PDB file of N, CA and C in Angstrom:
ATOM      1  N   ASP A   1     100.169 -84.517 -41.913  1.00  0.00           N
ATOM      2  CA  ASP A   1     100.133 -84.764 -43.341  1.00  0.00           C
ATOM      3  C   ASP A   1     100.872 -83.684 -44.123  1.00  0.00           C
ATOM      4  N   GLU A   2     100.886 -82.451 -43.610  1.00  0.00           N
ATOM      5  CA  GLU A   2     101.604 -81.387 -44.306  1.00  0.00           C
ATOM      6  C   GLU A   2     103.090 -81.693 -44.395  1.00  0.00           C
ATOM      7  N   GLY A   3     103.644 -82.208 -43.311  1.00  0.00           N
ATOM      8  CA  GLY A   3     105.069 -82.530 -43.302  1.00  0.00           C
ATOM      9  C   GLY A   3     105.422 -83.601 -44.306  1.00  0.00           C
ATOM     10  N   LEU A   4     104.596 -84.617 -44.394  1.00  0.00           N
ATOM     11  CA  LEU A   4     104.860 -85.691 -45.355  1.00  0.00           C
ATOM     12  C   LEU A   4     104.709 -85.193 -46.787  1.00  0.00           C
ATOM     13  N   ALA A   5     103.751 -84.309 -47.014  1.00  0.00           N
ATOM     14  CA  ALA A   5     103.590 -83.735 -48.354  1.00  0.00           C
ATOM     15  C   ALA A   5     104.811 -82.908 -48.732  1.00  0.00           C
ATOM     16  N   MET A   6     105.269 -82.085 -47.819  1.00  0.00           N
ATOM     17  CA  MET A   6     106.398 -81.212 -48.124  1.00  0.00           C
ATOM     18  C   MET A   6     107.698 -81.988 -48.290  1.00  0.00           C
ATOM     19  N   ILE A   7     107.933 -82.981 -47.443  1.00  0.00           N
ATOM     20  CA  ILE A   7     109.184 -83.732 -47.579  1.00  0.00           C
ATOM     21  C   ILE A   7     109.159 -84.557 -48.860  1.00  0.00           C
ATOM     22  N   SER A   8     107.989 -84.993 -49.281  1.00  0.00           N
ATOM     23  CA  SER A   8     107.884 -85.716 -50.555  1.00  0.00           C
ATOM     24  C   SER A   8     108.288 -84.814 -51.714  1.00  0.00           C
ATOM     25  N   GLU A   9     107.813 -83.578 -51.688  1.00  0.00           N
ATOM     26  CA  GLU A   9     108.221 -82.618 -52.718  1.00  0.00           C
ATOM     27  C   GLU A   9     109.728 -82.400 -52.692  1.00  0.00           C
ATOM     28  N   LEU A  10     110.267 -82.187 -51.503  1.00  0.00           N
ATOM     29  CA  LEU A  10     111.694 -81.923 -51.376  1.00  0.00           C
ATOM     30  C   LEU A  10     112.522 -83.099 -51.891  1.00  0.00           C
ATOM     31  N   LEU A  11     112.146 -84.312 -51.519  1.00  0.00           N
ATOM     32  CA  LEU A  11     112.877 -85.496 -51.984  1.00  0.00           C
ATOM     33  C   LEU A  11     112.803 -85.628 -53.499  1.00  0.00           C
ATOM     34  N   PHE A  12     111.659 -85.292 -54.071  1.00  0.00           N
ATOM     35  CA  PHE A  12     111.501 -85.315 -55.526  1.00  0.00           C
ATOM     36  C   PHE A  12     112.475 -84.337 -56.179  1.00  0.00           C
ATOM     37  N   TYR A  13     112.502 -83.114 -55.679  1.00  0.00           N
ATOM     38  CA  TYR A  13     113.403 -82.118 -56.255  1.00  0.00           C
ATOM     39  C   TYR A  13     114.864 -82.498 -56.034  1.00  0.00           C
ATOM     40  N   GLU A  14     115.194 -83.046 -54.897  1.00  0.00           N
ATOM     41  CA  GLU A  14     116.574 -83.475 -54.660  1.00  0.00           C
ATOM     42  C   GLU A  14     117.014 -84.518 -55.677  1.00  0.00           C
ATOM     43  N   ARG A  15     116.114 -85.420 -55.988  1.00  0.00           N
ATOM     44  CA  ARG A  15     116.467 -86.506 -56.904  1.00  0.00           C
ATOM     45  C   ARG A  15     116.469 -86.076 -58.369  1.00  0.00           C
ATOM     46  N   TYR A  16     115.444 -85.367 -58.792  1.00  0.00           N
ATOM     47  CA  TYR A  16     115.276 -85.082 -60.213  1.00  0.00           C
ATOM     48  C   TYR A  16     115.694 -83.672 -60.640  1.00  0.00           C
ATOM     49  N   TYR A  17     115.671 -82.726 -59.734  1.00  0.00           N
ATOM     50  CA  TYR A  17     115.999 -81.337 -60.066  1.00  0.00           C
ATOM     51  C   TYR A  17     116.865 -80.703 -58.972  1.00  0.00           C
ATOM     52  N   PRO A  18     118.001 -81.281 -58.672  1.00  0.00           N
ATOM     53  CA  PRO A  18     118.814 -80.765 -57.564  1.00  0.00           C
ATOM     54  C   PRO A  18     119.249 -79.311 -57.746  1.00  0.00           C
ATOM     55  N   ASP A  19     119.342 -78.869 -58.988  1.00  0.00           N
ATOM     56  CA  ASP A  19     119.727 -77.480 -59.232  1.00  0.00           C
ATOM     57  C   ASP A  19     118.605 -76.493 -58.886  1.00  0.00           C
ATOM     58  N   LEU A  20     117.410 -76.997 -58.599  1.00  0.00           N
ATOM     59  CA  LEU A  20     116.274 -76.136 -58.252  1.00  0.00           C
ATOM     60  C   LEU A  20     115.929 -76.151 -56.756  1.00  0.00           C
ATOM     61  N   LEU A  21     116.788 -76.734 -55.933  1.00  0.00           N
ATOM     62  CA  LEU A  21     116.485 -76.823 -54.502  1.00  0.00           C
ATOM     63  C   LEU A  21     116.358 -75.451 -53.841  1.00  0.00           C
ATOM     64  N   ASP A  22     117.258 -74.553 -54.160  1.00  0.00           N
ATOM     65  CA  ASP A  22     117.154 -73.211 -53.570  1.00  0.00           C
ATOM     66  C   ASP A  22     115.846 -72.544 -53.981  1.00  0.00           C
ATOM     67  N   TRP A  23     115.505 -72.703 -55.257  1.00  0.00           N
ATOM     68  CA  TRP A  23     114.231 -72.159 -55.729  1.00  0.00           C
ATOM     69  C   TRP A  23     113.079 -72.790 -54.959  1.00  0.00           C
ATOM     70  N   TRP A  24     113.067 -74.104 -54.786  1.00  0.00           N
ATOM     71  CA  TRP A  24     111.973 -74.788 -54.092  1.00  0.00           C
ATOM     72  C   TRP A  24     111.797 -74.227 -52.682  1.00  0.00           C
ATOM     73  N   TRP A  25     112.900 -74.140 -51.942  1.00  0.00           N
ATOM     74  CA  TRP A  25     112.806 -73.616 -50.579  1.00  0.00           C
ATOM     75  C   TRP A  25     112.240 -72.198 -50.582  1.00  0.00           C
ATOM     76  N   GLN A  26     112.715 -71.355 -51.479  1.00  0.00           N
ATOM     77  CA  GLN A  26     112.240 -69.969 -51.526  1.00  0.00           C
ATOM     78  C   GLN A  26     110.769 -69.896 -51.942  1.00  0.00           C
ATOM     79  N   PHE A  27     110.412 -70.593 -53.013  1.00  0.00           N
ATOM     80  CA  PHE A  27     109.053 -70.518 -53.547  1.00  0.00           C
ATOM     81  C   PHE A  27     108.027 -71.179 -52.640  1.00  0.00           C
ATOM     82  N   ARG A  28     108.385 -72.313 -52.049  1.00  0.00           N
ATOM     83  CA  ARG A  28     107.421 -73.092 -51.277  1.00  0.00           C
ATOM     84  C   ARG A  28     107.443 -72.795 -49.780  1.00  0.00           C
ATOM     85  N   VAL A  29     108.555 -72.258 -49.249  1.00  0.00           N
ATOM     86  CA  VAL A  29     108.657 -72.151 -47.796  1.00  0.00           C
ATOM     87  C   VAL A  29     109.073 -70.759 -47.322  1.00  0.00           C
ATOM     88  N   THR A  30     110.303 -70.372 -47.584  1.00  0.00           N
ATOM     89  CA  THR A  30     110.871 -69.212 -46.888  1.00  0.00           C
ATOM     90  C   THR A  30     110.189 -67.893 -47.210  1.00  0.00           C
ATOM     91  N   ARG A  31     109.669 -67.733 -48.402  1.00  0.00           N
ATOM     92  CA  ARG A  31     109.042 -66.445 -48.735  1.00  0.00           C
ATOM     93  C   ARG A  31     107.816 -66.156 -47.874  1.00  0.00           C
ATOM     94  N   TRP A  32     107.237 -67.177 -47.288  1.00  0.00           N
ATOM     95  CA  TRP A  32     106.051 -66.988 -46.447  1.00  0.00           C
ATOM     96  C   TRP A  32     106.420 -66.705 -44.993  1.00  0.00           C
ATOM     97  N   GLU A  33     107.702 -66.846 -44.668  1.00  0.00           N
ATOM     98  CA  GLU A  33     108.190 -66.621 -43.307  1.00  0.00           C
ATOM     99  C   GLU A  33     107.342 -67.365 -42.274  1.00  0.00           C
ATOM    100  N   PRO A  34     107.259 -68.687 -42.417  1.00  0.00           N
ATOM    101  CA  PRO A  34     106.409 -69.451 -41.506  1.00  0.00           C
ATOM    102  C   PRO A  34     106.924 -69.429 -40.075  1.00  0.00           C
ATOM    103  N   GLY A  35     106.001 -69.585 -39.159  1.00  0.00           N
ATOM    104  CA  GLY A  35     106.345 -69.635 -37.750  1.00  0.00           C
ATOM    105  C   GLY A  35     105.228 -70.286 -36.966  1.00  0.00           C
ATOM    106  N   GLY A  36     105.494 -70.501 -35.713  1.00  0.00           N
ATOM    107  CA  GLY A  36     104.489 -71.096 -34.839  1.00  0.00           C
ATOM    108  C   GLY A  36     104.582 -72.603 -34.804  1.00  0.00           C
ATOM    109  N   PRO A  37     103.849 -73.208 -33.897  1.00  0.00           N
ATOM    110  CA  PRO A  37     103.891 -74.661 -33.755  1.00  0.00           C
ATOM    111  C   PRO A  37     103.197 -75.369 -34.917  1.00  0.00           C
ATOM    112  N   VAL A  38     103.733 -76.517 -35.266  1.00  0.00           N
ATOM    113  CA  VAL A  38     103.169 -77.303 -36.369  1.00  0.00           C
ATOM    114  C   VAL A  38     101.775 -77.822 -36.029  1.00  0.00           C
ATOM    115  N   ASP A  39     101.509 -78.026 -34.769  1.00  0.00           N
ATOM    116  CA  ASP A  39     100.209 -78.579 -34.384  1.00  0.00           C
ATOM    117  C   ASP A  39      99.182 -77.507 -34.000  1.00  0.00           C
ATOM    118  N   ALA A  40      99.395 -76.281 -34.429  1.00  0.00           N
ATOM    119  CA  ALA A  40      98.384 -75.241 -34.219  1.00  0.00           C
ATOM    120  C   ALA A  40      97.152 -75.580 -35.058  1.00  0.00           C
ATOM    121  N   THR A  41      96.040 -74.994 -34.706  1.00  0.00           N
ATOM    122  CA  THR A  41      94.816 -75.225 -35.470  1.00  0.00           C
ATOM    123  C   THR A  41      94.512 -74.010 -36.336  1.00  0.00           C
ATOM    124  N   ILE A  42      93.605 -74.179 -37.245  1.00  0.00           N
ATOM    125  CA  ILE A  42      93.206 -73.070 -38.114  1.00  0.00           C
ATOM    126  C   ILE A  42      92.652 -71.910 -37.297  1.00  0.00           C
ATOM    127  N   TYR A  43      92.108 -72.202 -36.134  1.00  0.00           N
ATOM    128  CA  TYR A  43      91.531 -71.166 -35.278  1.00  0.00           C
ATOM    129  C   TYR A  43      92.598 -70.301 -34.606  1.00  0.00           C
ATOM    130  N   ASP A  44      93.852 -70.735 -34.679  1.00  0.00           N
ATOM    131  CA  ASP A  44      94.950 -69.953 -34.123  1.00  0.00           C
ATOM    132  C   ASP A  44      95.422 -68.854 -35.075  1.00  0.00           C
ATOM    133  N   TYR A  45      94.867 -68.817 -36.281  1.00  0.00           N
ATOM    134  CA  TYR A  45      95.278 -67.849 -37.301  1.00  0.00           C
ATOM    135  C   TYR A  45      94.081 -67.011 -37.740  1.00  0.00           C
ATOM    136  N   SER A  46      94.368 -65.811 -38.206  1.00  0.00           N
ATOM    137  CA  SER A  46      93.289 -64.904 -38.602  1.00  0.00           C
ATOM    138  C   SER A  46      92.711 -65.233 -39.972  1.00  0.00           C
ATOM    139  N   THR A  47      93.496 -65.882 -40.830  1.00  0.00           N
ATOM    140  CA  THR A  47      93.008 -66.262 -42.160  1.00  0.00           C
ATOM    141  C   THR A  47      93.437 -67.682 -42.476  1.00  0.00           C
ATOM    142  N   SER A  48      92.697 -68.320 -43.354  1.00  0.00           N
ATOM    143  CA  SER A  48      93.084 -69.673 -43.763  1.00  0.00           C
ATOM    144  C   SER A  48      94.392 -69.641 -44.543  1.00  0.00           C
ATOM    145  N   GLU A  49      94.643 -68.551 -45.267  1.00  0.00           N
ATOM    146  CA  GLU A  49      95.895 -68.428 -46.017  1.00  0.00           C
ATOM    147  C   GLU A  49      97.104 -68.415 -45.080  1.00  0.00           C
ATOM    148  N   SER A  50      97.031 -67.651 -44.007  1.00  0.00           N
ATOM    149  CA  SER A  50      98.156 -67.616 -43.069  1.00  0.00           C
ATOM    150  C   SER A  50      98.331 -68.969 -42.384  1.00  0.00           C
ATOM    151  N   PHE A  51      97.239 -69.649 -42.120  1.00  0.00           N
ATOM    152  CA  PHE A  51      97.319 -70.993 -41.550  1.00  0.00           C
ATOM    153  C   PHE A  51      98.066 -71.930 -42.494  1.00  0.00           C
ATOM    154  N   VAL A  52      97.671 -71.950 -43.756  1.00  0.00           N
ATOM    155  CA  VAL A  52      98.290 -72.850 -44.737  1.00  0.00           C
ATOM    156  C   VAL A  52      99.774 -72.547 -44.884  1.00  0.00           C
ATOM    157  N   HIS A  53     100.127 -71.287 -45.041  1.00  0.00           N
ATOM    158  CA  HIS A  53     101.537 -70.937 -45.232  1.00  0.00           C
ATOM    159  C   HIS A  53     102.373 -71.302 -44.008  1.00  0.00           C
ATOM    160  N   ASN A  54     101.839 -71.075 -42.830  1.00  0.00           N
ATOM    161  CA  ASN A  54     102.578 -71.415 -41.620  1.00  0.00           C
ATOM    162  C   ASN A  54     102.671 -72.914 -41.407  1.00  0.00           C
ATOM    163  N   MET A  55     101.579 -73.621 -41.594  1.00  0.00           N
ATOM    164  CA  MET A  55     101.600 -75.061 -41.354  1.00  0.00           C
ATOM    165  C   MET A  55     102.506 -75.796 -42.337  1.00  0.00           C
ATOM    166  N   TYR A  56     102.349 -75.523 -43.609  1.00  0.00           N
ATOM    167  CA  TYR A  56     103.171 -76.210 -44.600  1.00  0.00           C
ATOM    168  C   TYR A  56     104.635 -75.808 -44.471  1.00  0.00           C
ATOM    169  N   GLY A  57     104.882 -74.538 -44.213  1.00  0.00           N
ATOM    170  CA  GLY A  57     106.262 -74.081 -44.067  1.00  0.00           C
ATOM    171  C   GLY A  57     106.937 -74.654 -42.839  1.00  0.00           C
ATOM    172  N   GLN A  58     106.278 -74.555 -41.704  1.00  0.00           N
ATOM    173  CA  GLN A  58     106.853 -75.107 -40.482  1.00  0.00           C
ATOM    174  C   GLN A  58     107.004 -76.622 -40.581  1.00  0.00           C
ATOM    175  N   ALA A  59     106.045 -77.277 -41.217  1.00  0.00           N
ATOM    176  CA  ALA A  59     106.145 -78.725 -41.403  1.00  0.00           C
ATOM    177  C   ALA A  59     107.351 -79.074 -42.266  1.00  0.00           C
ATOM    178  N   ALA A  60     107.624 -78.265 -43.280  1.00  0.00           N
ATOM    179  CA  ALA A  60     108.804 -78.495 -44.123  1.00  0.00           C
ATOM    180  C   ALA A  60     110.080 -78.335 -43.307  1.00  0.00           C
ATOM    181  N   TYR A  61     110.147 -77.272 -42.508  1.00  0.00           N
ATOM    182  CA  TYR A  61     111.318 -77.081 -41.649  1.00  0.00           C
ATOM    183  C   TYR A  61     111.476 -78.240 -40.672  1.00  0.00           C
ATOM    184  N   PHE A  62     110.368 -78.661 -40.064  1.00  0.00           N
ATOM    185  CA  PHE A  62     110.445 -79.765 -39.111  1.00  0.00           C
ATOM    186  C   PHE A  62     110.964 -81.033 -39.775  1.00  0.00           C
ATOM    187  N   MET A  63     110.403 -81.388 -40.916  1.00  0.00           N
ATOM    188  CA  MET A  63     110.821 -82.626 -41.577  1.00  0.00           C
ATOM    189  C   MET A  63     112.280 -82.553 -42.025  1.00  0.00           C
ATOM    190  N   ALA A  64     112.719 -81.405 -42.496  1.00  0.00           N
ATOM    191  CA  ALA A  64     114.126 -81.247 -42.882  1.00  0.00           C
ATOM    192  C   ALA A  64     115.028 -81.372 -41.656  1.00  0.00           C
ATOM    193  N   ASP A  65     114.618 -80.767 -40.544  1.00  0.00           N
ATOM    194  CA  ASP A  65     115.397 -80.886 -39.316  1.00  0.00           C
ATOM    195  C   ASP A  65     115.369 -82.312 -38.778  1.00  0.00           C
ATOM    196  N   LEU A  66     114.227 -82.967 -38.866  1.00  0.00           N
ATOM    197  CA  LEU A  66     114.130 -84.361 -38.434  1.00  0.00           C
ATOM    198  C   LEU A  66     115.117 -85.221 -39.216  1.00  0.00           C
ATOM    199  N   ARG A  67     115.173 -85.008 -40.492  1.00  0.00           N
ATOM    200  CA  ARG A  67     116.119 -85.739 -41.343  1.00  0.00           C
ATOM    201  C   ARG A  67     117.561 -85.445 -40.930  1.00  0.00           C
ATOM    202  N   ASP A  68     117.861 -84.185 -40.653  1.00  0.00           N
ATOM    203  CA  ASP A  68     119.212 -83.828 -40.203  1.00  0.00           C
ATOM    204  C   ASP A  68     119.556 -84.511 -38.885  1.00  0.00           C
ATOM    205  N   TRP A  69     118.621 -84.511 -37.959  1.00  0.00           N
ATOM    206  CA  TRP A  69     118.866 -85.128 -36.652  1.00  0.00           C
ATOM    207  C   TRP A  69     119.050 -86.636 -36.771  1.00  0.00           C
ATOM    208  N   MET A  70     118.231 -87.276 -37.588  1.00  0.00           N
ATOM    209  CA  MET A  70     118.264 -88.738 -37.704  1.00  0.00           C
ATOM    210  C   MET A  70     119.389 -89.222 -38.607  1.00  0.00           C
ATOM    211  N   GLY A  71     119.746 -88.438 -39.592  1.00  0.00           N
ATOM    212  CA  GLY A  71     120.632 -88.882 -40.659  1.00  0.00           C
ATOM    213  C   GLY A  71     119.777 -89.390 -41.807  1.00  0.00           C
ATOM    214  N   ASP A  72     120.286 -89.245 -43.015  1.00  0.00           N
ATOM    215  CA  ASP A  72     119.489 -89.551 -44.199  1.00  0.00           C
ATOM    216  C   ASP A  72     119.031 -91.007 -44.247  1.00  0.00           C
ATOM    217  N   ALA A  73     119.930 -91.943 -43.973  1.00  0.00           N
ATOM    218  CA  ALA A  73     119.569 -93.368 -44.076  1.00  0.00           C
ATOM    219  C   ALA A  73     118.476 -93.732 -43.070  1.00  0.00           C
ATOM    220  N   ALA A  74     118.627 -93.305 -41.834  1.00  0.00           N
ATOM    221  CA  ALA A  74     117.623 -93.609 -40.806  1.00  0.00           C
ATOM    222  C   ALA A  74     116.296 -92.920 -41.128  1.00  0.00           C
ATOM    223  N   PHE A  75     116.368 -91.703 -41.640  1.00  0.00           N
ATOM    224  CA  PHE A  75     115.155 -90.974 -41.993  1.00  0.00           C
ATOM    225  C   PHE A  75     114.391 -91.687 -43.102  1.00  0.00           C
ATOM    226  N   ARG A  76     115.105 -92.113 -44.125  1.00  0.00           N
ATOM    227  CA  ARG A  76     114.452 -92.826 -45.229  1.00  0.00           C
ATOM    228  C   ARG A  76     113.874 -94.159 -44.757  1.00  0.00           C
ATOM    229  N   GLN A  77     114.584 -94.834 -43.864  1.00  0.00           N
ATOM    230  CA  GLN A  77     114.060 -96.080 -43.305  1.00  0.00           C
ATOM    231  C   GLN A  77     112.789 -95.802 -42.508  1.00  0.00           C
ATOM    232  N   PHE A  78     112.795 -94.732 -41.738  1.00  0.00           N
ATOM    233  CA  PHE A  78     111.606 -94.328 -40.992  1.00  0.00           C
ATOM    234  C   PHE A  78     110.425 -94.101 -41.929  1.00  0.00           C
ATOM    235  N   LEU A  79     110.630 -93.358 -43.014  1.00  0.00           N
ATOM    236  CA  LEU A  79     109.536 -93.095 -43.955  1.00  0.00           C
ATOM    237  C   LEU A  79     108.973 -94.387 -44.528  1.00  0.00           C
ATOM    238  N   GLN A  80     109.851 -95.312 -44.891  1.00  0.00           N
ATOM    239  CA  GLN A  80     109.393 -96.585 -45.457  1.00  0.00           C
ATOM    240  C   GLN A  80     108.629 -97.403 -44.425  1.00  0.00           C
ATOM    241  N   THR A  81     109.169 -97.484 -43.227  1.00  0.00           N
ATOM    242  CA  THR A  81     108.516 -98.251 -42.162  1.00  0.00           C
ATOM    243  C   THR A  81     107.168 -97.629 -41.792  1.00  0.00           C
ATOM    244  N   TYR A  82     107.144 -96.330 -41.661  1.00  0.00           N
ATOM    245  CA  TYR A  82     105.910 -95.620 -41.317  1.00  0.00           C
ATOM    246  C   TYR A  82     104.842 -95.861 -42.379  1.00  0.00           C
ATOM    247  N   TYR A  83     105.232 -95.769 -43.630  1.00  0.00           N
ATOM    248  CA  TYR A  83     104.289 -96.025 -44.730  1.00  0.00           C
ATOM    249  C   TYR A  83     103.748 -97.451 -44.660  1.00  0.00           C
ATOM    250  N   ARG A  84     104.636 -98.422 -44.535  1.00  0.00           N
ATOM    251  CA  ARG A  84     104.191 -99.827 -44.495  1.00  0.00           C
ATOM    252  C   ARG A  84     103.259-100.080 -43.312  1.00  0.00           C
ATOM    253  N   GLN A  85     103.584 -99.506 -42.185  1.00  0.00           N
ATOM    254  CA  GLN A  85     102.801 -99.767 -40.978  1.00  0.00           C
ATOM    255  C   GLN A  85     101.421 -99.109 -41.008  1.00  0.00           C
ATOM    256  N   TYR A  86     101.307 -97.944 -41.610  1.00  0.00           N
ATOM    257  CA  TYR A  86     100.051 -97.183 -41.515  1.00  0.00           C
ATOM    258  C   TYR A  86      99.354 -96.934 -42.847  1.00  0.00           C
ATOM    259  N   ARG A  87      99.803 -97.540 -43.919  1.00  0.00           N
ATOM    260  CA  ARG A  87      99.233 -97.233 -45.237  1.00  0.00           C
ATOM    261  C   ARG A  87      97.752 -97.567 -45.356  1.00  0.00           C
ATOM    262  N   ASP A  88      97.258 -98.527 -44.624  1.00  0.00           N
ATOM    263  CA  ASP A  88      95.850 -98.908 -44.713  1.00  0.00           C
ATOM    264  C   ASP A  88      95.055 -98.516 -43.472  1.00  0.00           C
ATOM    265  N   GLY A  89      95.594 -97.595 -42.700  1.00  0.00           N
ATOM    266  CA  GLY A  89      94.913 -97.238 -41.464  1.00  0.00           C
ATOM    267  C   GLY A  89      95.162 -95.793 -41.084  1.00  0.00           C
ATOM    268  N   PHE A  90      95.045 -95.529 -39.806  1.00  0.00           N
ATOM    269  CA  PHE A  90      95.212 -94.184 -39.279  1.00  0.00           C
ATOM    270  C   PHE A  90      96.378 -94.169 -38.309  1.00  0.00           C
ATOM    271  N   ALA A  91      97.124 -93.101 -38.340  1.00  0.00           N
ATOM    272  CA  ALA A  91      98.238 -92.924 -37.413  1.00  0.00           C
ATOM    273  C   ALA A  91      98.014 -91.643 -36.619  1.00  0.00           C
ATOM    274  N   THR A  92      98.402 -91.668 -35.384  1.00  0.00           N
ATOM    275  CA  THR A  92      98.332 -90.482 -34.533  1.00  0.00           C
ATOM    276  C   THR A  92      99.681 -89.771 -34.560  1.00  0.00           C
ATOM    277  N   GLY A  93      99.716 -88.592 -33.984  1.00  0.00           N
ATOM    278  CA  GLY A  93     100.994 -87.904 -33.836  1.00  0.00           C
ATOM    279  C   GLY A  93     101.966 -88.728 -33.019  1.00  0.00           C
ATOM    280  N   ALA A  94     101.469 -89.354 -31.958  1.00  0.00           N
ATOM    281  CA  ALA A  94     102.326 -90.205 -31.129  1.00  0.00           C
ATOM    282  C   ALA A  94     102.879 -91.374 -31.938  1.00  0.00           C
ATOM    283  N   ASP A  95     102.074 -91.941 -32.833  1.00  0.00           N
ATOM    284  CA  ASP A  95     102.548 -93.021 -33.705  1.00  0.00           C
ATOM    285  C   ASP A  95     103.683 -92.532 -34.600  1.00  0.00           C
ATOM    286  N   PHE A  96     103.516 -91.342 -35.155  1.00  0.00           N
ATOM    287  CA  PHE A  96     104.532 -90.757 -36.024  1.00  0.00           C
ATOM    288  C   PHE A  96     105.850 -90.585 -35.271  1.00  0.00           C
ATOM    289  N   PHE A  97     105.782 -89.952 -34.103  1.00  0.00           N
ATOM    290  CA  PHE A  97     106.996 -89.700 -33.331  1.00  0.00           C
ATOM    291  C   PHE A  97     107.647 -91.004 -32.872  1.00  0.00           C
ATOM    292  N   ALA A  98     106.852 -91.978 -32.475  1.00  0.00           N
ATOM    293  CA  ALA A  98     107.398 -93.270 -32.044  1.00  0.00           C
ATOM    294  C   ALA A  98     108.090 -93.980 -33.200  1.00  0.00           C
ATOM    295  N   ALA A  99     107.500 -93.920 -34.382  1.00  0.00           N
ATOM    296  CA  ALA A  99     108.111 -94.561 -35.553  1.00  0.00           C
ATOM    297  C   ALA A  99     109.437 -93.900 -35.894  1.00  0.00           C
ATOM    298  N   ALA A 100     109.496 -92.586 -35.805  1.00  0.00           N
ATOM    299  CA  ALA A 100     110.759 -91.885 -36.069  1.00  0.00           C
ATOM    300  C   ALA A 100     111.792 -92.242 -35.014  1.00  0.00           C
ATOM    301  N   GLN A 101     111.394 -92.202 -33.746  1.00  0.00           N
ATOM    302  CA  GLN A 101     112.331 -92.492 -32.663  1.00  0.00           C
ATOM    303  C   GLN A 101     112.864 -93.914 -32.741  1.00  0.00           C
ATOM    304  N   ALA A 102     112.056 -94.839 -33.224  1.00  0.00           N
ATOM    305  CA  ALA A 102     112.472 -96.242 -33.328  1.00  0.00           C
ATOM    306  C   ALA A 102     113.613 -96.446 -34.321  1.00  0.00           C
ATOM    307  N   GLU A 103     113.812 -95.502 -35.223  1.00  0.00           N
ATOM    308  CA  GLU A 103     114.842 -95.649 -36.254  1.00  0.00           C
ATOM    309  C   GLU A 103     116.151 -94.936 -35.926  1.00  0.00           C
ATOM    310  N   THR A 104     116.234 -94.324 -34.742  1.00  0.00           N
ATOM    311  CA  THR A 104     117.456 -93.597 -34.399  1.00  0.00           C
ATOM    312  C   THR A 104     117.737 -93.675 -32.905  1.00  0.00           C
ATOM    313  N   ALA A 105     119.018 -93.612 -32.564  1.00  0.00           N
ATOM    314  CA  ALA A 105     119.416 -93.560 -31.159  1.00  0.00           C
ATOM    315  C   ALA A 105     119.424 -92.123 -30.638  1.00  0.00           C
ATOM    316  N   VAL A 106     119.301 -91.166 -31.527  1.00  0.00           N
ATOM    317  CA  VAL A 106     119.273 -89.751 -31.154  1.00  0.00           C
ATOM    318  C   VAL A 106     117.931 -89.434 -30.495  1.00  0.00           C
ATOM    319  N   ASP A 107     117.971 -88.788 -29.345  1.00  0.00           N
ATOM    320  CA  ASP A 107     116.738 -88.396 -28.663  1.00  0.00           C
ATOM    321  C   ASP A 107     116.078 -87.254 -29.440  1.00  0.00           C
ATOM    322  N   LEU A 108     114.912 -87.515 -29.986  1.00  0.00           N
ATOM    323  CA  LEU A 108     114.201 -86.525 -30.796  1.00  0.00           C
ATOM    324  C   LEU A 108     113.313 -85.590 -29.976  1.00  0.00           C
ATOM    325  N   THR A 109     113.239 -85.813 -28.676  1.00  0.00           N
ATOM    326  CA  THR A 109     112.360 -85.022 -27.813  1.00  0.00           C
ATOM    327  C   THR A 109     112.597 -83.515 -27.924  1.00  0.00           C
ATOM    328  N   PRO A 110     113.850 -83.035 -27.890  1.00  0.00           N
ATOM    329  CA  PRO A 110     114.053 -81.586 -28.008  1.00  0.00           C
ATOM    330  C   PRO A 110     113.585 -81.021 -29.352  1.00  0.00           C
ATOM    331  N   LEU A 111     113.780 -81.762 -30.416  1.00  0.00           N
ATOM    332  CA  LEU A 111     113.330 -81.307 -31.731  1.00  0.00           C
ATOM    333  C   LEU A 111     111.807 -81.231 -31.776  1.00  0.00           C
ATOM    334  N   ILE A 112     111.154 -82.246 -31.259  1.00  0.00           N
ATOM    335  CA  ILE A 112     109.688 -82.263 -31.237  1.00  0.00           C
ATOM    336  C   ILE A 112     109.164 -81.090 -30.408  1.00  0.00           C
ATOM    337  N   ALA A 113     109.791 -80.841 -29.266  1.00  0.00           N
ATOM    338  CA  ALA A 113     109.373 -79.730 -28.403  1.00  0.00           C
ATOM    339  C   ALA A 113     109.564 -78.377 -29.090  1.00  0.00           C
ATOM    340  N   GLN A 114     110.552 -78.289 -29.967  1.00  0.00           N
ATOM    341  CA  GLN A 114     110.813 -77.040 -30.689  1.00  0.00           C
ATOM    342  C   GLN A 114     109.691 -76.706 -31.669  1.00  0.00           C
ATOM    343  N   TYR A 115     109.059 -77.719 -32.241  1.00  0.00           N
ATOM    344  CA  TYR A 115     108.072 -77.502 -33.299  1.00  0.00           C
ATOM    345  C   TYR A 115     106.619 -77.752 -32.897  1.00  0.00           C
ATOM    346  N   PHE A 116     106.399 -78.439 -31.786  1.00  0.00           N
ATOM    347  CA  PHE A 116     105.040 -78.834 -31.421  1.00  0.00           C
ATOM    348  C   PHE A 116     104.701 -78.354 -30.020  1.00  0.00           C
ATOM    349  N   GLN A 117     103.429 -77.953 -29.842  1.00  0.00           N
ATOM    350  CA  GLN A 117     102.948 -77.545 -28.526  1.00  0.00           C
ATOM    351  C   GLN A 117     102.764 -78.751 -27.621  1.00  0.00           C
ATOM    352  N   GLN A 118     102.312 -79.840 -28.228  1.00  0.00           N
ATOM    353  CA  GLN A 118     102.034 -81.056 -27.467  1.00  0.00           C
ATOM    354  C   GLN A 118     102.334 -82.255 -28.342  1.00  0.00           C
ATOM    355  N   GLU A 119     102.587 -83.372 -27.729  1.00  0.00           N
ATOM    356  CA  GLU A 119     102.878 -84.589 -28.501  1.00  0.00           C
ATOM    357  C   GLU A 119     101.672 -85.420 -28.701  1.00  0.00           C
TER     358      GLU A 119
END
């Protein structure tokens, strides 16, 4: 959910405030120097603050990289399809990755392995 929240913010700024994109990245992501796997738990961090900054930041990096790997059109199609398919239910991580992979011929496995401990 962190990744979807962050990419929603980024898409909003791209559309309505493109001159503030550098500010958004700095204020929301890079200043916290996020690291670690996106699927870490709160128990992997010493404070809830460090957990939040790392999870949201890494999720933002992952979603931006996912978009780069897929291409903008395929990425946007993935978001729409994923929303339609799961808007009234629950999706697993495997569901998310499968929905993304279904929209591109690019093998996303290396990207997923870069950001996640497990699928």
